[in-house]
Amino acid sequence: MNRYMLILWGGGQRMSKMSPQEIQEHMKHWTTWMESLAKQGIWDGGEPLGAEARHLKGPKKPVTDGPYTEAKEAVSGYAIIKADSIDKAVEIAKECPLFEIDGVVEVRPIRAM
């Protein structure tokens, strides 16, 4: 099986407008989804990311604050799954709870080094 990274974009803007009860309910969907993938043996990890970032660029590596994109478009987390093909990984990604809060999921193969 191949490994794929689901890069999770956005969702924070909508989530910031949710009540604590709505957030708790939404988080249950995440737990259910991840547990389902784990039971199938295709969950390989993942975490939410904080909003703060630092960018380093070029030979002198100056450090600047980031991210530069609007918060609604920023990377908010990642998940790593196992699938036989990118098309199968996309089908798995379609069940991601991020879509409930207007997020975007980018599916990328993880290449072996």
C-alpha atoms as a PDB file:
ATOM      1  CA  MET A   1       0.000   0.000   0.000  1.00  0.00           C
ATOM      2  CA  ASN A   2       1.113   3.529  -0.720  1.00  0.00           C
ATOM      3  CA  ARG A   3       1.062   6.402   1.743  1.00  0.00           C
ATOM      4  CA  TYR A   4      -0.759   9.678   1.066  1.00  0.00           C
ATOM      5  CA  MET A   5      -0.799  12.960   2.914  1.00  0.00           C
ATOM      6  CA  LEU A   6      -4.098  14.739   3.215  1.00  0.00           C
ATOM      7  CA  ILE A   7      -3.204  18.405   3.565  1.00  0.00           C
ATOM      8  CA  LEU A   8      -6.063  20.083   5.395  1.00  0.00           C
ATOM      9  CA  TRP A   9      -6.791  23.689   4.425  1.00  0.00           C
ATOM     10  CA  GLY A  10      -9.083  26.108   6.222  1.00  0.00           C
ATOM     11  CA  GLY A  11     -12.085  25.452   8.388  1.00  0.00           C
ATOM     12  CA  GLY A  12     -10.939  27.703  11.214  1.00  0.00           C
ATOM     13  CA  GLN A  13     -13.046  30.676  10.180  1.00  0.00           C
ATOM     14  CA  ARG A  14     -16.275  28.667  10.270  1.00  0.00           C
ATOM     15  CA  MET A  15     -15.241  26.855  13.442  1.00  0.00           C
ATOM     16  CA  SER A  16     -14.582  30.155  15.215  1.00  0.00           C
ATOM     17  CA  LYS A  17     -18.293  30.960  14.849  1.00  0.00           C
ATOM     18  CA  MET A  18     -19.467  27.662  16.322  1.00  0.00           C
ATOM     19  CA  SER A  19     -20.773  27.248  19.863  1.00  0.00           C
ATOM     20  CA  PRO A  20     -18.835  25.009  22.269  1.00  0.00           C
ATOM     21  CA  GLN A  21     -21.516  22.353  21.810  1.00  0.00           C
ATOM     22  CA  GLU A  22     -21.218  22.527  18.006  1.00  0.00           C
ATOM     23  CA  ILE A  23     -17.429  22.257  18.237  1.00  0.00           C
ATOM     24  CA  GLN A  24     -17.736  19.253  20.533  1.00  0.00           C
ATOM     25  CA  GLU A  25     -20.134  17.565  18.099  1.00  0.00           C
ATOM     26  CA  HIS A  26     -17.851  18.329  15.165  1.00  0.00           C
ATOM     27  CA  MET A  27     -14.844  16.907  17.033  1.00  0.00           C
ATOM     28  CA  LYS A  28     -16.801  13.677  17.594  1.00  0.00           C
ATOM     29  CA  HIS A  29     -17.012  13.363  13.798  1.00  0.00           C
ATOM     30  CA  TRP A  30     -13.210  13.645  13.607  1.00  0.00           C
ATOM     31  CA  THR A  31     -12.766  10.968  16.274  1.00  0.00           C
ATOM     32  CA  THR A  32     -15.212   8.632  14.551  1.00  0.00           C
ATOM     33  CA  TRP A  33     -13.534   9.148  11.164  1.00  0.00           C
ATOM     34  CA  MET A  34     -10.002   8.579  12.484  1.00  0.00           C
ATOM     35  CA  GLU A  35     -11.035   5.529  14.518  1.00  0.00           C
ATOM     36  CA  SER A  36     -12.742   4.057  11.442  1.00  0.00           C
ATOM     37  CA  LEU A  37      -9.592   4.518   9.368  1.00  0.00           C
ATOM     38  CA  ALA A  38      -7.469   3.009  12.165  1.00  0.00           C
ATOM     39  CA  LYS A  39      -9.736  -0.063  12.358  1.00  0.00           C
ATOM     40  CA  GLN A  40      -9.285  -0.507   8.599  1.00  0.00           C
ATOM     41  CA  GLY A  41      -5.500  -0.325   9.055  1.00  0.00           C
ATOM     42  CA  ILE A  42      -5.149   2.721   6.801  1.00  0.00           C
ATOM     43  CA  TRP A  43      -4.637   5.536   9.348  1.00  0.00           C
ATOM     44  CA  ASP A  44      -0.962   6.449   9.645  1.00  0.00           C
ATOM     45  CA  GLY A  45      -1.178   9.605  11.769  1.00  0.00           C
ATOM     46  CA  GLY A  46      -2.095  13.244  11.629  1.00  0.00           C
ATOM     47  CA  GLU A  47      -2.418  16.363  13.721  1.00  0.00           C
ATOM     48  CA  PRO A  48      -3.914  19.855  13.632  1.00  0.00           C
ATOM     49  CA  LEU A  49      -1.427  22.679  13.129  1.00  0.00           C
ATOM     50  CA  GLY A  50      -1.167  25.933  15.043  1.00  0.00           C
ATOM     51  CA  ALA A  51      -1.788  29.262  13.311  1.00  0.00           C
ATOM     52  CA  GLU A  52       1.675  30.702  14.005  1.00  0.00           C
ATOM     53  CA  ALA A  53       4.459  30.042  11.484  1.00  0.00           C
ATOM     54  CA  ARG A  54       7.962  31.141  10.521  1.00  0.00           C
ATOM     55  CA  HIS A  55       9.342  31.112   6.992  1.00  0.00           C
ATOM     56  CA  LEU A  56      12.987  30.666   6.058  1.00  0.00           C
ATOM     57  CA  LYS A  57      14.060  31.276   2.480  1.00  0.00           C
ATOM     58  CA  GLY A  58      17.155  31.378   0.332  1.00  0.00           C
ATOM     59  CA  PRO A  59      20.850  31.016   1.132  1.00  0.00           C
ATOM     60  CA  LYS A  60      20.835  33.578   3.979  1.00  0.00           C
ATOM     61  CA  LYS A  61      17.686  32.057   5.514  1.00  0.00           C
ATOM     62  CA  PRO A  62      16.041  35.225   6.819  1.00  0.00           C
ATOM     63  CA  VAL A  63      13.176  34.386   9.181  1.00  0.00           C
ATOM     64  CA  THR A  64       9.819  36.048   8.603  1.00  0.00           C
ATOM     65  CA  ASP A  65       6.422  35.570  10.187  1.00  0.00           C
ATOM     66  CA  GLY A  66       3.712  33.680   8.349  1.00  0.00           C
ATOM     67  CA  PRO A  67       1.531  32.201   7.056  1.00  0.00           C
ATOM     68  CA  TYR A  68       0.852  34.776   4.393  1.00  0.00           C
ATOM     69  CA  THR A  69      -2.442  33.390   3.136  1.00  0.00           C
ATOM     70  CA  GLU A  70      -5.743  34.414   4.661  1.00  0.00           C
ATOM     71  CA  ALA A  71      -6.609  32.342   7.718  1.00  0.00           C
ATOM     72  CA  LYS A  72      -9.492  30.704   5.867  1.00  0.00           C
ATOM     73  CA  GLU A  73      -6.987  29.419   3.292  1.00  0.00           C
ATOM     74  CA  ALA A  74      -4.139  28.427   5.643  1.00  0.00           C
ATOM     75  CA  VAL A  75      -3.040  24.844   6.178  1.00  0.00           C
ATOM     76  CA  SER A  76      -4.792  23.739   9.363  1.00  0.00           C
ATOM     77  CA  GLY A  77      -3.509  20.194   9.697  1.00  0.00           C
ATOM     78  CA  TYR A  78      -2.586  16.970   8.000  1.00  0.00           C
ATOM     79  CA  ALA A  79      -3.425  13.289   7.978  1.00  0.00           C
ATOM     80  CA  ILE A  80      -1.449  10.402   6.557  1.00  0.00           C
ATOM     81  CA  ILE A  81      -3.342   7.434   5.188  1.00  0.00           C
ATOM     82  CA  LYS A  82      -2.548   4.248   3.304  1.00  0.00           C
ATOM     83  CA  ALA A  83      -4.276   3.407   0.038  1.00  0.00           C
ATOM     84  CA  ASP A  84      -3.673   1.352  -3.093  1.00  0.00           C
ATOM     85  CA  SER A  85      -3.928   4.374  -5.397  1.00  0.00           C
ATOM     86  CA  ILE A  86      -4.419   8.123  -5.366  1.00  0.00           C
ATOM     87  CA  ASP A  87      -7.985   7.568  -6.562  1.00  0.00           C
ATOM     88  CA  LYS A  88      -8.671   5.363  -3.517  1.00  0.00           C
ATOM     89  CA  ALA A  89      -7.021   7.993  -1.276  1.00  0.00           C
ATOM     90  CA  VAL A  90      -9.359  10.617  -2.765  1.00  0.00           C
ATOM     91  CA  GLU A  91     -12.369   8.421  -1.967  1.00  0.00           C
ATOM     92  CA  ILE A  92     -11.170   8.113   1.629  1.00  0.00           C
ATOM     93  CA  ALA A  93     -10.571  11.879   1.814  1.00  0.00           C
ATOM     94  CA  LYS A  94     -14.149  12.586   0.730  1.00  0.00           C
ATOM     95  CA  GLU A  95     -15.298  11.418   4.174  1.00  0.00           C
ATOM     96  CA  CYS A  96     -13.078  13.920   6.023  1.00  0.00           C
ATOM     97  CA  PRO A  97     -15.030  16.020   8.559  1.00  0.00           C
ATOM     98  CA  LEU A  98     -13.221  19.162   7.367  1.00  0.00           C
ATOM     99  CA  PHE A  99     -15.784  19.487   4.572  1.00  0.00           C
ATOM    100  CA  GLU A 100     -18.467  20.113   7.219  1.00  0.00           C
ATOM    101  CA  ILE A 101     -16.780  23.438   8.019  1.00  0.00           C
ATOM    102  CA  ASP A 102     -15.999  24.489   4.419  1.00  0.00           C
ATOM    103  CA  GLY A 103     -12.428  23.186   4.409  1.00  0.00           C
ATOM    104  CA  VAL A 104     -10.360  21.878   1.516  1.00  0.00           C
ATOM    105  CA  VAL A 105      -8.421  18.611   1.411  1.00  0.00           C
ATOM    106  CA  GLU A 106      -5.418  18.224  -0.873  1.00  0.00           C
ATOM    107  CA  VAL A 107      -4.336  14.603  -1.487  1.00  0.00           C
ATOM    108  CA  ARG A 108      -0.619  14.068  -2.210  1.00  0.00           C
ATOM    109  CA  PRO A 109       1.380  10.865  -2.557  1.00  0.00           C
ATOM    110  CA  ILE A 110       4.293  10.502  -0.168  1.00  0.00           C
ATOM    111  CA  ARG A 111       7.346   9.501  -2.164  1.00  0.00           C
ATOM    112  CA  ALA A 112       9.905   7.117  -0.736  1.00  0.00           C
ATOM    113  CA  MET A 113      13.375   8.574  -0.203  1.00  0.00           C
END
